[in-house]
N, C-alpha and C. Protein backbone atom coordinates (compact mmCIF):
# COMPACT_ATOMS: atom_id res chain seq x y z
N MET A 1 0.82 -1.11 -0.13
CA MET A 1 -0.11 -0.04 -0.02
C MET A 1 0.87 1.35 0.16
N ASP A 2 2.03 1.15 0.52
CA ASP A 2 2.93 2.15 0.70
C ASP A 2 3.20 2.99 -0.79
N ALA A 3 3.63 2.08 -1.68
CA ALA A 3 3.76 2.30 -2.82
C ALA A 3 2.59 3.06 -3.60
N ASP A 4 1.36 2.38 -3.42
CA ASP A 4 -0.01 3.09 -3.82
C ASP A 4 -0.12 4.43 -3.46
N LEU A 5 0.03 4.40 -2.46
CA LEU A 5 -0.02 5.90 -1.66
C LEU A 5 0.93 7.17 -2.04
N LEU A 6 2.22 6.74 -2.47
CA LEU A 6 3.09 7.59 -2.84
C LEU A 6 2.55 7.83 -4.46
N TYR A 7 2.25 6.80 -5.08
CA TYR A 7 1.86 7.13 -6.65
C TYR A 7 0.48 8.20 -6.40
N ILE A 8 -0.43 7.76 -5.50
CA ILE A 8 -1.43 8.79 -5.57
C ILE A 8 -1.02 10.15 -5.17
N VAL A 9 -0.37 10.21 -4.11
CA VAL A 9 0.34 11.87 -3.94
C VAL A 9 0.93 12.44 -5.07
N GLU A 10 1.96 11.52 -5.85
CA GLU A 10 2.50 11.91 -6.86
C GLU A 10 1.59 12.62 -8.15
N ARG A 11 0.43 11.55 -8.45
CA ARG A 11 -0.42 11.95 -9.42
C ARG A 11 -1.34 13.09 -9.03
N LEU A 12 -1.80 13.30 -7.90
CA LEU A 12 -2.70 14.32 -7.83
C LEU A 12 -1.89 15.55 -7.45
N ARG A 13 -0.37 15.95 -7.17
CA ARG A 13 0.23 16.79 -7.24
C ARG A 13 0.30 17.32 -8.40
N GLN A 14 0.31 16.57 -9.46
CA GLN A 14 0.57 16.88 -10.97
C GLN A 14 -0.83 17.65 -11.41
N ARG A 15 -2.07 17.16 -10.75
CA ARG A 15 -3.39 17.75 -11.59
C ARG A 15 -3.60 18.75 -10.68
N PHE A 16 -3.39 18.99 -9.14
CA PHE A 16 -4.10 19.78 -8.54
C PHE A 16 -3.23 21.27 -8.17
N PRO A 17 -3.44 22.26 -8.40
CA PRO A 17 -2.78 23.47 -7.78
C PRO A 17 -2.20 23.25 -6.47
N PRO A 18 -0.96 23.87 -6.34
CA PRO A 18 -0.26 23.80 -5.11
C PRO A 18 -1.35 23.89 -3.67
N LEU A 19 -1.21 23.26 -2.87
CA LEU A 19 -2.31 23.47 -1.85
C LEU A 19 -1.73 24.97 -1.13
N PRO A 20 -2.64 25.43 -0.74
CA PRO A 20 -2.51 26.68 0.32
C PRO A 20 -1.86 26.25 1.44
N PRO A 21 -1.48 27.10 2.25
CA PRO A 21 -1.01 26.89 3.76
C PRO A 21 -2.17 26.30 4.71
N PHE A 22 -1.63 25.20 5.68
CA PHE A 22 -2.80 24.85 6.41
C PHE A 22 -2.95 25.43 7.63
N PRO A 23 -4.18 25.83 7.93
CA PRO A 23 -4.22 26.61 9.30
C PRO A 23 -4.05 25.89 10.55
N ARG A 24 -3.39 25.77 11.38
CA ARG A 24 -3.24 25.17 12.53
C ARG A 24 -3.80 25.88 13.71
N LEU A 25 -4.85 25.35 14.67
CA LEU A 25 -5.43 25.65 15.87
C LEU A 25 -4.47 24.89 16.98
N ASP A 26 -4.87 25.30 18.03
CA ASP A 26 -4.11 24.73 19.41
C ASP A 26 -5.02 23.42 19.49
N PRO A 27 -4.65 22.59 20.22
CA PRO A 27 -5.63 21.22 20.48
C PRO A 27 -7.03 21.14 20.60
N ILE A 28 -7.29 21.97 21.68
CA ILE A 28 -8.73 22.09 21.96
C ILE A 28 -9.39 22.89 21.07
N SER A 29 -8.98 23.75 20.54
CA SER A 29 -10.16 24.49 19.49
C SER A 29 -9.95 23.52 18.26
N GLN A 30 -9.02 22.71 17.89
CA GLN A 30 -8.95 21.94 17.01
C GLN A 30 -9.95 20.58 17.33
N LEU A 31 -10.16 20.06 18.22
CA LEU A 31 -10.90 19.33 18.91
C LEU A 31 -12.56 19.82 18.58
N VAL A 32 -12.87 20.94 19.02
CA VAL A 32 -14.17 21.46 18.83
C VAL A 32 -14.14 21.81 17.42
N LYS A 33 -13.42 22.27 16.48
CA LYS A 33 -13.85 22.65 15.28
C LYS A 33 -13.98 21.09 14.48
N SER A 34 -13.27 20.11 14.79
CA SER A 34 -13.34 18.91 13.97
C SER A 34 -14.93 18.23 14.63
N LEU A 35 -15.24 18.59 15.92
CA LEU A 35 -16.50 18.07 16.23
C LEU A 35 -17.69 18.36 15.48
N ILE A 36 -17.64 19.75 14.99
CA ILE A 36 -18.79 20.39 14.24
C ILE A 36 -18.64 20.53 12.94
N SER A 37 -17.57 19.83 12.38
CA SER A 37 -17.23 19.76 11.00
C SER A 37 -17.78 18.67 10.08
N SER A 38 -18.05 17.53 10.74
CA SER A 38 -18.24 16.31 9.98
C SER A 38 -19.38 16.66 8.87
N ARG A 39 -19.20 16.09 7.82
CA ARG A 39 -20.31 16.24 6.79
C ARG A 39 -20.65 17.62 6.33
N THR A 40 -19.64 18.64 6.71
CA THR A 40 -19.86 20.10 6.52
C THR A 40 -18.72 20.67 5.56
N LYS A 41 -19.24 21.66 4.64
CA LYS A 41 -18.27 22.09 3.70
C LYS A 41 -17.36 23.11 4.71
N ASP A 42 -16.16 23.19 4.04
CA ASP A 42 -15.00 24.22 5.00
C ASP A 42 -15.80 25.64 4.97
N GLU A 43 -16.29 26.04 3.90
CA GLU A 43 -16.85 27.43 3.82
C GLU A 43 -18.10 27.40 4.74
N VAL A 44 -18.58 26.62 5.21
CA VAL A 44 -19.61 26.52 6.37
C VAL A 44 -18.93 26.55 7.67
N SER A 45 -18.26 25.26 8.03
CA SER A 45 -17.56 24.74 9.34
C SER A 45 -16.73 26.00 9.74
N TRP A 46 -16.02 26.66 8.91
CA TRP A 46 -15.00 27.67 9.58
C TRP A 46 -15.64 28.71 10.03
N PRO A 47 -16.53 29.64 9.45
CA PRO A 47 -17.18 30.89 9.78
C PRO A 47 -18.31 30.16 11.16
N THR A 48 -18.60 29.02 11.08
CA THR A 48 -19.35 28.53 12.41
C THR A 48 -18.23 28.45 13.71
N PHE A 49 -17.24 27.85 13.26
CA PHE A 49 -16.63 27.81 14.49
C PHE A 49 -15.99 29.11 14.98
N TRP A 50 -15.61 30.06 14.08
CA TRP A 50 -15.10 31.28 14.77
C TRP A 50 -16.40 31.96 15.28
N LYS A 51 -17.48 31.86 14.96
CA LYS A 51 -18.84 32.44 15.39
C LYS A 51 -19.01 31.84 17.02
N LEU A 52 -18.61 30.56 17.03
CA LEU A 52 -18.89 29.83 18.11
C LEU A 52 -17.87 30.17 19.40
N VAL A 53 -16.53 30.29 19.00
CA VAL A 53 -15.80 30.89 19.77
C VAL A 53 -15.97 32.40 20.22
N GLY A 54 -16.45 32.91 19.20
CA GLY A 54 -16.65 34.59 19.55
C GLY A 54 -17.87 34.73 20.55
N LEU A 55 -18.82 33.74 20.71
CA LEU A 55 -19.71 33.60 21.75
C LEU A 55 -19.41 33.06 22.90
N TYR A 56 -18.46 32.56 22.90
CA TYR A 56 -17.87 31.81 23.99
C TYR A 56 -16.39 31.75 24.22
N PRO A 57 -15.83 32.88 24.65
CA PRO A 57 -14.18 32.86 24.32
C PRO A 57 -13.61 32.00 25.39
N GLN A 58 -14.35 31.60 26.26
CA GLN A 58 -13.71 30.70 27.58
C GLN A 58 -14.12 29.39 27.21
N TRP A 59 -13.49 28.19 27.28
CA TRP A 59 -14.07 26.96 27.07
C TRP A 59 -14.98 26.57 28.04
N ARG A 60 -14.80 26.94 29.33
CA ARG A 60 -15.79 26.56 30.56
C ARG A 60 -17.27 27.17 30.22
N GLN A 61 -17.04 28.39 29.60
CA GLN A 61 -18.38 29.34 29.21
C GLN A 61 -19.04 28.35 28.23
N MET A 62 -18.48 27.76 27.10
CA MET A 62 -19.21 26.99 26.24
C MET A 62 -19.53 25.69 26.84
N MET A 63 -18.74 25.23 27.75
CA MET A 63 -19.35 23.87 28.16
C MET A 63 -20.23 24.00 29.20
N GLU A 64 -20.65 25.16 29.76
CA GLU A 64 -21.66 25.52 30.77
C GLU A 64 -23.05 26.06 30.19
N ALA A 65 -22.74 26.34 28.45
CA ALA A 65 -23.84 27.03 28.05
C ALA A 65 -25.03 26.02 28.02
N PRO A 66 -26.46 26.44 27.63
CA PRO A 66 -27.51 25.31 27.30
C PRO A 66 -27.45 24.82 25.92
N VAL A 67 -27.52 23.52 26.03
CA VAL A 67 -27.42 22.95 24.75
C VAL A 67 -28.26 23.78 23.35
N SER A 68 -29.21 24.11 23.84
CA SER A 68 -29.95 24.83 22.80
C SER A 68 -29.40 25.97 22.34
N ASP A 69 -28.62 26.87 23.00
CA ASP A 69 -27.70 27.95 22.73
C ASP A 69 -26.80 27.52 21.71
N ILE A 70 -26.09 26.36 22.10
CA ILE A 70 -24.86 25.82 21.11
C ILE A 70 -25.48 25.57 19.80
N GLU A 71 -26.60 24.74 19.95
CA GLU A 71 -27.15 24.34 18.60
C GLU A 71 -27.66 25.70 17.90
N ARG A 72 -28.37 26.37 18.53
CA ARG A 72 -28.48 27.83 17.69
C ARG A 72 -27.10 28.32 17.15
N ALA A 73 -26.04 28.35 17.87
CA ALA A 73 -24.86 28.94 17.04
C ALA A 73 -24.39 28.10 16.00
N ILE A 74 -24.36 27.03 16.10
CA ILE A 74 -24.03 25.97 15.01
C ILE A 74 -24.84 25.47 14.07
N ALA A 75 -26.20 26.41 13.83
CA ALA A 75 -27.31 26.00 13.12
C ALA A 75 -26.82 25.83 11.60
N GLN A 76 -25.75 26.32 11.29
CA GLN A 76 -25.52 26.07 9.87
C GLN A 76 -24.75 24.78 9.37
N VAL A 77 -24.17 24.06 10.33
CA VAL A 77 -23.49 22.89 10.10
C VAL A 77 -24.47 21.51 9.94
N THR A 78 -24.14 20.58 9.38
CA THR A 78 -25.10 19.35 9.52
C THR A 78 -25.33 18.89 10.75
N PHE A 79 -26.38 18.30 11.14
CA PHE A 79 -26.68 17.57 12.48
C PHE A 79 -26.38 18.32 13.43
N ALA A 80 -26.68 19.64 13.53
CA ALA A 80 -26.43 20.54 14.56
C ALA A 80 -26.95 20.15 15.91
N GLU A 81 -27.99 19.58 15.85
CA GLU A 81 -28.58 19.30 17.24
C GLU A 81 -27.65 17.84 17.95
N ASP A 82 -27.32 17.12 17.26
CA ASP A 82 -26.54 15.96 17.67
C ASP A 82 -25.09 16.61 17.83
N LYS A 83 -24.56 17.28 16.91
CA LYS A 83 -23.14 18.06 17.49
C LYS A 83 -22.99 18.99 18.76
N ALA A 84 -24.29 19.78 18.75
CA ALA A 84 -24.21 20.59 19.94
C ALA A 84 -24.28 19.66 21.28
N ALA A 85 -25.07 18.47 21.25
CA ALA A 85 -24.98 17.65 22.55
C ALA A 85 -23.46 16.75 22.68
N ASN A 86 -23.13 16.45 21.50
CA ASN A 86 -21.78 15.65 21.51
C ASN A 86 -20.77 16.79 22.02
N LEU A 87 -20.74 18.03 21.56
CA LEU A 87 -19.58 18.98 21.92
C LEU A 87 -19.86 19.08 23.46
N LEU A 88 -20.97 19.23 24.29
CA LEU A 88 -20.68 19.62 25.31
C LEU A 88 -20.32 18.34 26.15
N LEU A 89 -20.74 16.95 26.04
CA LEU A 89 -20.48 16.16 26.54
C LEU A 89 -18.80 15.92 26.25
N THR A 90 -18.04 16.32 25.11
CA THR A 90 -16.82 16.14 25.15
C THR A 90 -16.20 17.29 25.88
N LEU A 91 -16.49 18.39 25.74
CA LEU A 91 -16.00 19.36 26.78
C LEU A 91 -15.83 19.02 28.38
N ARG A 92 -16.88 18.49 28.65
CA ARG A 92 -17.19 17.97 30.13
C ARG A 92 -16.24 16.82 30.32
N GLY A 93 -15.91 15.92 29.39
CA GLY A 93 -14.89 15.05 29.52
C GLY A 93 -13.41 15.53 29.93
N VAL A 94 -13.32 16.44 29.08
CA VAL A 94 -11.94 16.90 29.01
C VAL A 94 -11.65 17.60 30.22
N ALA A 95 -12.60 18.46 30.88
CA ALA A 95 -12.68 19.41 32.16
C ALA A 95 -12.67 18.19 33.38
N LYS A 96 -13.03 16.97 33.38
CA LYS A 96 -12.88 16.28 34.27
C LYS A 96 -11.28 15.94 34.76
N GLU A 97 -10.38 15.88 33.53
CA GLU A 97 -9.06 15.52 33.84
C GLU A 97 -8.32 16.84 33.71
N HIS A 98 -8.69 17.71 32.98
CA HIS A 98 -7.75 18.81 32.30
C HIS A 98 -8.65 20.10 32.39
N PRO A 99 -8.91 20.51 33.77
CA PRO A 99 -10.30 21.85 33.46
C PRO A 99 -9.60 22.89 33.21
N ASP A 100 -8.21 23.00 32.88
CA ASP A 100 -7.73 24.20 32.03
C ASP A 100 -7.96 23.86 30.66
N PHE A 101 -8.50 22.85 30.17
CA PHE A 101 -8.57 22.43 28.80
C PHE A 101 -7.20 22.54 27.63
N ASP A 102 -6.14 22.31 28.55
CA ASP A 102 -4.78 22.69 27.59
C ASP A 102 -4.48 21.12 27.38
N LEU A 103 -4.61 20.54 26.16
CA LEU A 103 -4.33 19.19 25.64
C LEU A 103 -3.18 19.18 25.01
N THR A 104 -2.16 19.85 25.49
CA THR A 104 -0.76 19.73 24.79
C THR A 104 -0.07 18.59 25.37
N PHE A 105 -0.33 18.03 26.21
CA PHE A 105 0.04 16.85 27.19
C PHE A 105 0.03 15.60 26.04
N LEU A 106 -1.05 15.72 24.94
CA LEU A 106 -0.98 14.71 24.09
C LEU A 106 0.22 14.36 23.28
N GLY A 107 1.15 15.72 23.01
CA GLY A 107 2.23 15.55 22.26
C GLY A 107 3.32 14.86 22.97
N ASP A 108 3.16 14.41 24.28
CA ASP A 108 4.13 13.85 24.90
C ASP A 108 3.54 12.09 25.03
N MET A 109 2.63 11.90 24.27
CA MET A 109 2.12 10.46 24.44
C MET A 109 2.15 10.07 23.21
N THR A 110 2.41 8.33 23.12
CA THR A 110 2.42 8.04 22.05
C THR A 110 1.05 8.36 21.13
N VAL A 111 1.30 8.28 19.87
CA VAL A 111 0.06 8.54 19.01
C VAL A 111 -1.09 7.67 19.30
N SER A 112 -0.91 6.22 19.49
CA SER A 112 -1.56 5.47 19.73
C SER A 112 -2.22 5.57 21.24
N ASP A 113 -1.47 6.04 22.13
CA ASP A 113 -2.21 6.35 23.55
C ASP A 113 -2.96 7.57 23.30
N ALA A 114 -2.45 8.57 22.66
CA ALA A 114 -3.23 10.05 22.25
C ALA A 114 -4.67 9.68 21.92
N HIS A 115 -4.58 8.63 20.83
CA HIS A 115 -5.85 8.32 20.09
C HIS A 115 -6.80 7.65 21.31
N LYS A 116 -6.30 6.60 21.95
CA LYS A 116 -7.17 6.03 23.15
C LYS A 116 -7.81 7.17 24.17
N TRP A 117 -6.83 8.00 24.45
CA TRP A 117 -7.17 9.06 25.36
C TRP A 117 -8.42 9.89 24.66
N LEU A 118 -8.27 10.31 23.56
CA LEU A 118 -9.27 11.21 22.87
C LEU A 118 -10.64 10.45 22.64
N GLN A 119 -10.46 8.97 22.18
CA GLN A 119 -11.59 8.37 21.76
C GLN A 119 -12.28 7.93 23.07
N GLY A 120 -11.62 8.12 24.13
CA GLY A 120 -12.24 7.74 25.41
C GLY A 120 -13.28 8.91 25.94
N LEU A 121 -13.23 10.11 25.25
CA LEU A 121 -14.35 11.11 25.60
C LEU A 121 -15.63 10.65 24.65
N ASP A 122 -16.45 11.02 25.51
CA ASP A 122 -17.98 11.06 24.72
C ASP A 122 -17.96 11.79 23.50
N GLY A 123 -18.43 11.07 22.30
CA GLY A 123 -18.60 12.20 21.07
C GLY A 123 -17.34 11.84 20.32
N VAL A 124 -16.26 11.51 20.68
CA VAL A 124 -15.08 11.54 19.75
C VAL A 124 -14.83 10.16 19.22
N ALA A 125 -14.84 10.07 17.85
CA ALA A 125 -14.60 8.91 17.42
C ALA A 125 -13.09 8.98 16.30
N VAL A 126 -12.60 8.22 15.78
CA VAL A 126 -11.29 7.97 15.05
C VAL A 126 -10.88 9.29 14.29
N LYS A 127 -11.95 9.80 13.51
CA LYS A 127 -11.58 10.70 12.58
C LYS A 127 -11.55 12.15 13.62
N VAL A 128 -12.36 12.28 14.53
CA VAL A 128 -11.89 13.67 15.40
C VAL A 128 -10.71 13.25 15.83
N ALA A 129 -10.27 12.21 16.56
CA ALA A 129 -9.18 12.13 17.41
C ALA A 129 -8.00 12.47 16.40
N ALA A 130 -8.17 12.02 15.20
CA ALA A 130 -6.75 12.14 14.36
C ALA A 130 -6.82 13.36 13.92
N SER A 131 -7.94 13.97 13.67
CA SER A 131 -7.78 15.69 13.36
C SER A 131 -7.09 16.37 14.23
N THR A 132 -7.56 16.16 15.72
CA THR A 132 -7.23 16.67 16.71
C THR A 132 -5.40 16.67 16.80
N LEU A 133 -5.04 15.29 16.30
CA LEU A 133 -3.33 15.17 16.67
C LEU A 133 -2.74 15.70 15.42
N ASN A 134 -3.24 15.69 14.42
CA ASN A 134 -2.54 15.81 13.01
C ASN A 134 -2.99 17.42 12.58
N PHE A 135 -4.05 17.81 12.49
CA PHE A 135 -4.21 19.08 12.15
C PHE A 135 -3.65 20.38 13.01
N SER A 136 -3.97 20.08 14.41
CA SER A 136 -3.50 20.83 15.14
C SER A 136 -2.11 21.10 15.32
N THR A 137 -1.73 22.29 16.31
CA THR A 137 -0.13 22.42 16.62
C THR A 137 0.79 21.45 17.00
N LEU A 138 -0.07 20.19 17.66
CA LEU A 138 0.64 19.06 17.98
C LEU A 138 1.20 18.38 16.78
N ASN A 139 0.63 18.64 15.62
CA ASN A 139 1.50 18.09 14.39
C ASN A 139 2.01 16.44 14.41
N ARG A 140 1.13 15.57 15.15
CA ARG A 140 1.26 14.45 15.08
C ARG A 140 0.96 13.76 13.79
N PRO A 141 1.47 12.55 13.71
CA PRO A 141 1.44 11.70 12.53
C PRO A 141 0.22 10.79 12.63
N SER A 142 -1.00 11.28 12.35
CA SER A 142 -2.22 10.45 12.25
C SER A 142 -3.19 10.94 11.10
N PHE A 143 -3.50 9.89 10.45
CA PHE A 143 -4.24 9.94 9.30
C PHE A 143 -5.54 10.20 9.19
N VAL A 144 -6.45 11.40 8.71
CA VAL A 144 -7.73 11.99 8.68
C VAL A 144 -8.55 11.35 7.73
N ILE A 145 -9.39 10.35 7.91
CA ILE A 145 -10.13 9.84 7.08
C ILE A 145 -11.58 10.29 7.11
N ASP A 146 -12.02 11.21 6.30
CA ASP A 146 -13.18 11.59 6.35
C ASP A 146 -14.21 10.76 5.25
N SER A 147 -15.53 11.18 4.79
CA SER A 147 -16.30 10.42 4.07
C SER A 147 -15.72 10.33 2.71
N HIS A 148 -15.08 11.51 2.06
CA HIS A 148 -14.31 11.55 1.06
C HIS A 148 -13.29 10.79 0.75
N VAL A 149 -12.39 10.68 1.79
CA VAL A 149 -11.19 9.80 1.77
C VAL A 149 -11.44 8.46 1.76
N LEU A 150 -12.47 8.04 2.56
CA LEU A 150 -12.92 6.59 2.71
C LEU A 150 -13.41 6.15 1.58
N ARG A 151 -14.04 6.75 0.68
CA ARG A 151 -14.79 6.44 -0.54
C ARG A 151 -13.89 6.64 -1.55
N VAL A 152 -12.64 7.06 -1.62
CA VAL A 152 -11.69 7.07 -2.52
C VAL A 152 -10.90 5.77 -2.26
N LEU A 153 -10.49 5.58 -0.86
CA LEU A 153 -9.72 4.48 -0.73
C LEU A 153 -10.21 3.13 -1.16
N GLN A 154 -11.70 3.03 -0.85
CA GLN A 154 -12.53 1.84 -1.11
C GLN A 154 -12.59 1.66 -2.72
N ARG A 155 -12.97 2.58 -3.42
CA ARG A 155 -12.82 2.54 -4.80
C ARG A 155 -11.61 2.31 -5.37
N TYR A 156 -10.70 2.77 -5.06
CA TYR A 156 -9.28 2.59 -5.55
C TYR A 156 -8.79 1.00 -5.11
N GLY A 157 -9.39 0.40 -4.21
CA GLY A 157 -8.95 -0.71 -3.57
C GLY A 157 -8.02 -0.95 -2.60
N LEU A 158 -7.66 0.23 -1.92
CA LEU A 158 -6.68 0.02 -0.84
C LEU A 158 -7.53 -0.56 0.47
N VAL A 159 -8.78 -0.29 0.54
CA VAL A 159 -9.41 -0.92 1.57
C VAL A 159 -10.61 -1.65 0.91
N SER A 160 -11.25 -2.42 1.85
CA SER A 160 -12.55 -3.10 1.33
C SER A 160 -13.60 -2.00 1.07
N HIS A 161 -14.57 -2.42 0.51
CA HIS A 161 -16.08 -1.55 0.53
C HIS A 161 -16.58 -1.70 1.81
N ALA A 162 -16.47 -2.87 2.52
CA ALA A 162 -17.08 -2.94 4.02
C ALA A 162 -16.37 -1.97 5.04
N ALA A 163 -15.11 -1.45 4.70
CA ALA A 163 -14.30 -1.15 5.83
C ALA A 163 -14.72 0.38 6.12
N ASP A 164 -14.97 0.40 7.59
CA ASP A 164 -15.27 1.80 8.05
C ASP A 164 -13.96 2.48 8.36
N SER A 165 -14.22 3.88 8.89
CA SER A 165 -13.04 4.61 9.07
C SER A 165 -12.01 4.09 9.89
N ASP A 166 -12.50 3.16 11.25
CA ASP A 166 -11.52 2.33 11.97
C ASP A 166 -10.67 1.50 11.28
N LYS A 167 -11.33 0.70 10.52
CA LYS A 167 -10.45 -0.35 9.83
C LYS A 167 -9.50 0.57 8.83
N ALA A 168 -10.11 1.47 8.18
CA ALA A 168 -9.23 2.14 7.04
C ALA A 168 -8.16 2.85 7.60
N TYR A 169 -8.24 3.33 9.01
CA TYR A 169 -7.16 4.06 9.68
C TYR A 169 -6.16 3.04 9.98
N ARG A 170 -6.51 2.11 10.35
CA ARG A 170 -5.48 1.04 10.95
C ARG A 170 -4.76 0.43 9.65
N ALA A 171 -5.54 0.65 8.48
CA ALA A 171 -4.74 -0.40 7.42
C ALA A 171 -4.15 0.74 6.59
N VAL A 172 -4.20 1.87 6.62
CA VAL A 172 -2.98 3.20 6.00
C VAL A 172 -2.20 3.25 7.15
N MET A 173 -2.16 3.46 8.22
CA MET A 173 -1.28 3.77 9.30
C MET A 173 -0.22 2.58 9.49
N GLY A 174 -0.82 1.46 9.25
CA GLY A 174 0.02 0.21 9.20
C GLY A 174 0.88 0.11 8.15
N ALA A 175 0.43 0.84 6.91
CA ALA A 175 1.26 0.59 5.86
C ALA A 175 2.38 1.67 5.71
N ILE A 176 2.25 2.83 6.35
CA ILE A 176 2.88 3.84 6.22
C ILE A 176 3.39 4.39 7.42
N PRO A 177 3.71 3.72 8.40
CA PRO A 177 4.22 4.06 9.84
C PRO A 177 5.23 5.15 9.97
N ASP A 178 6.07 5.18 9.09
CA ASP A 178 7.15 6.11 9.13
C ASP A 178 6.91 7.76 8.20
N TRP A 179 5.63 7.87 7.71
CA TRP A 179 5.27 8.83 7.14
C TRP A 179 5.02 10.13 8.17
N SER A 180 5.37 11.64 8.07
CA SER A 180 5.20 12.67 8.97
C SER A 180 3.89 13.07 9.13
N ALA A 181 3.83 13.97 9.79
CA ALA A 181 2.26 14.34 10.01
C ALA A 181 2.23 15.33 8.71
N GLU A 182 3.40 16.01 8.23
CA GLU A 182 2.99 16.86 7.02
C GLU A 182 2.59 15.91 5.77
N GLN A 183 3.20 14.91 5.77
CA GLN A 183 2.80 13.86 4.58
C GLN A 183 1.48 13.41 4.80
N LEU A 184 1.06 13.25 6.05
CA LEU A 184 -0.27 12.56 6.11
C LEU A 184 -1.27 13.54 5.92
N ILE A 185 -1.03 14.75 6.17
CA ILE A 185 -1.96 16.10 5.76
C ILE A 185 -1.93 16.30 4.50
N GLU A 186 -0.70 16.15 3.77
CA GLU A 186 -1.06 16.27 2.18
C GLU A 186 -1.70 15.31 1.65
N LEU A 187 -1.60 13.92 2.14
CA LEU A 187 -2.40 12.87 1.67
C LEU A 187 -3.87 13.10 1.91
N HIS A 188 -3.91 13.60 2.79
CA HIS A 188 -5.30 13.77 3.40
C HIS A 188 -6.12 14.96 2.51
N ARG A 189 -5.39 15.87 2.09
CA ARG A 189 -6.11 17.13 1.53
C ARG A 189 -6.13 16.66 -0.03
N LEU A 190 -5.04 15.96 -0.54
CA LEU A 190 -5.14 15.62 -1.86
C LEU A 190 -6.37 14.64 -2.23
N VAL A 191 -6.32 13.58 -1.62
CA VAL A 191 -7.27 12.59 -1.56
C VAL A 191 -8.93 13.30 -1.36
N LYS A 192 -8.74 14.00 -0.53
CA LYS A 192 -10.30 14.98 -0.29
C LYS A 192 -10.76 15.52 -1.41
N LYS A 193 -9.62 16.18 -2.00
CA LYS A 193 -9.95 17.03 -3.22
C LYS A 193 -10.54 16.08 -4.48
N LEU A 194 -9.70 15.10 -4.23
CA LEU A 194 -10.28 14.13 -5.40
C LEU A 194 -11.91 13.61 -5.30
N GLY A 195 -12.10 13.15 -3.92
CA GLY A 195 -13.42 12.93 -3.43
C GLY A 195 -14.47 13.88 -3.78
N GLN A 196 -13.93 15.34 -3.90
CA GLN A 196 -14.81 16.38 -3.92
C GLN A 196 -15.19 16.77 -5.42
N SER A 197 -14.13 16.21 -6.34
CA SER A 197 -14.33 16.66 -7.64
C SER A 197 -14.27 15.16 -8.62
N TRP A 198 -13.63 14.40 -9.20
CA TRP A 198 -13.99 13.61 -9.96
C TRP A 198 -14.54 12.22 -9.45
N CYS A 199 -14.35 12.08 -7.95
CA CYS A 199 -14.79 10.91 -7.39
C CYS A 199 -15.67 10.97 -6.40
N GLN A 200 -16.77 11.75 -6.55
CA GLN A 200 -17.86 11.94 -5.73
C GLN A 200 -18.62 10.92 -5.52
N LYS A 201 -19.54 11.26 -4.34
CA LYS A 201 -20.59 9.88 -4.47
C LYS A 201 -21.33 9.40 -5.37
N TRP A 202 -22.00 10.45 -6.02
CA TRP A 202 -22.94 10.33 -6.96
C TRP A 202 -22.66 10.46 -8.30
N ASP A 203 -21.60 11.37 -8.61
CA ASP A 203 -20.91 11.90 -9.74
C ASP A 203 -19.35 11.27 -9.77
N VAL A 204 -19.46 10.17 -10.52
CA VAL A 204 -18.10 9.66 -10.80
C VAL A 204 -17.69 9.84 -12.25
N ARG A 205 -16.42 10.47 -12.47
CA ARG A 205 -16.03 10.82 -13.82
C ARG A 205 -14.60 10.11 -13.81
N CYS A 206 -14.59 8.77 -14.09
CA CYS A 206 -13.52 8.01 -14.31
C CYS A 206 -12.59 8.37 -15.29
N ASP A 207 -12.92 8.91 -16.54
CA ASP A 207 -12.50 9.31 -17.85
C ASP A 207 -11.51 10.46 -17.73
N GLU A 208 -11.78 11.23 -16.38
CA GLU A 208 -11.06 12.49 -16.15
C GLU A 208 -10.01 12.07 -15.04
N CYS A 209 -10.20 11.27 -14.38
CA CYS A 209 -9.54 11.07 -12.97
C CYS A 209 -8.39 10.59 -13.30
N PRO A 210 -7.28 11.39 -12.57
CA PRO A 210 -5.84 10.93 -12.84
C PRO A 210 -5.35 9.53 -12.26
N LEU A 211 -6.14 9.04 -11.11
CA LEU A 211 -5.98 7.83 -10.87
C LEU A 211 -6.49 6.40 -11.77
N ALA A 212 -7.17 6.87 -12.80
CA ALA A 212 -8.02 5.87 -13.23
C ALA A 212 -7.40 4.59 -13.71
N GLU A 213 -6.11 4.89 -14.44
CA GLU A 213 -5.47 3.77 -14.79
C GLU A 213 -5.10 2.75 -13.88
N ARG A 214 -4.88 2.88 -12.61
CA ARG A 214 -4.48 1.86 -11.42
C ARG A 214 -6.05 1.64 -10.64
N CYS A 215 -7.12 2.35 -10.71
CA CYS A 215 -8.12 2.23 -9.94
C CYS A 215 -9.04 0.93 -10.15
N VAL A 216 -9.24 0.21 -9.25
CA VAL A 216 -10.07 -1.10 -9.49
C VAL A 216 -11.43 -1.00 -9.65
N ARG A 217 -12.07 0.22 -9.69
CA ARG A 217 -13.36 0.57 -9.95
C ARG A 217 -13.46 0.74 -11.45
N ARG A 218 -12.25 1.54 -11.98
CA ARG A 218 -12.11 1.80 -13.56
C ARG A 218 -11.83 0.38 -14.01
N ILE A 219 -11.13 -0.52 -13.87
CA ILE A 219 -10.49 -1.53 -14.28
C ILE A 219 -11.60 -2.63 -14.20
């Protein structure tokens, strides 16, 4: 799989314009951003995040807010009701062990142990945990698999069509244990762009896809 992933990166680099700089948040901010971003476009999730932290500049304020107020603040994202409830559960879980909401200690743990800690919080699954570790200033090597990335991995034949995000994460990380955080971010961003363009859920344009010659869906 390592060679396949290197091929994917190289081919997509050639087809997409250079990626813009990646904005990094501190760990707790990235955790919150990730919790409200699922199945929501960046142009919606980012303004929603900044609105939320503008309303609640202190994490404890956010944690103690009525769930209805949080839901109203993030109303533009998908599944706002569920995300509001999960967000408060997650913040309460963090506060039990780290009332200062400082998650930089995760940088001193192994990636595996940091995942376990994060996924022990209510509302946090593998994608949010990986996003918190990889996208934040922690800059840890953990591959983020969203719905676009999972779809491409399945169609390309790198994981089975029955694989969920957990299985796909283990498969990819097992194949590229030495990749850096920056390499994993680039892989995520390039594959996600592919999933948003030629390899969408219902609009599949194999004739235009730069990976078509090796894709099992096309073959």
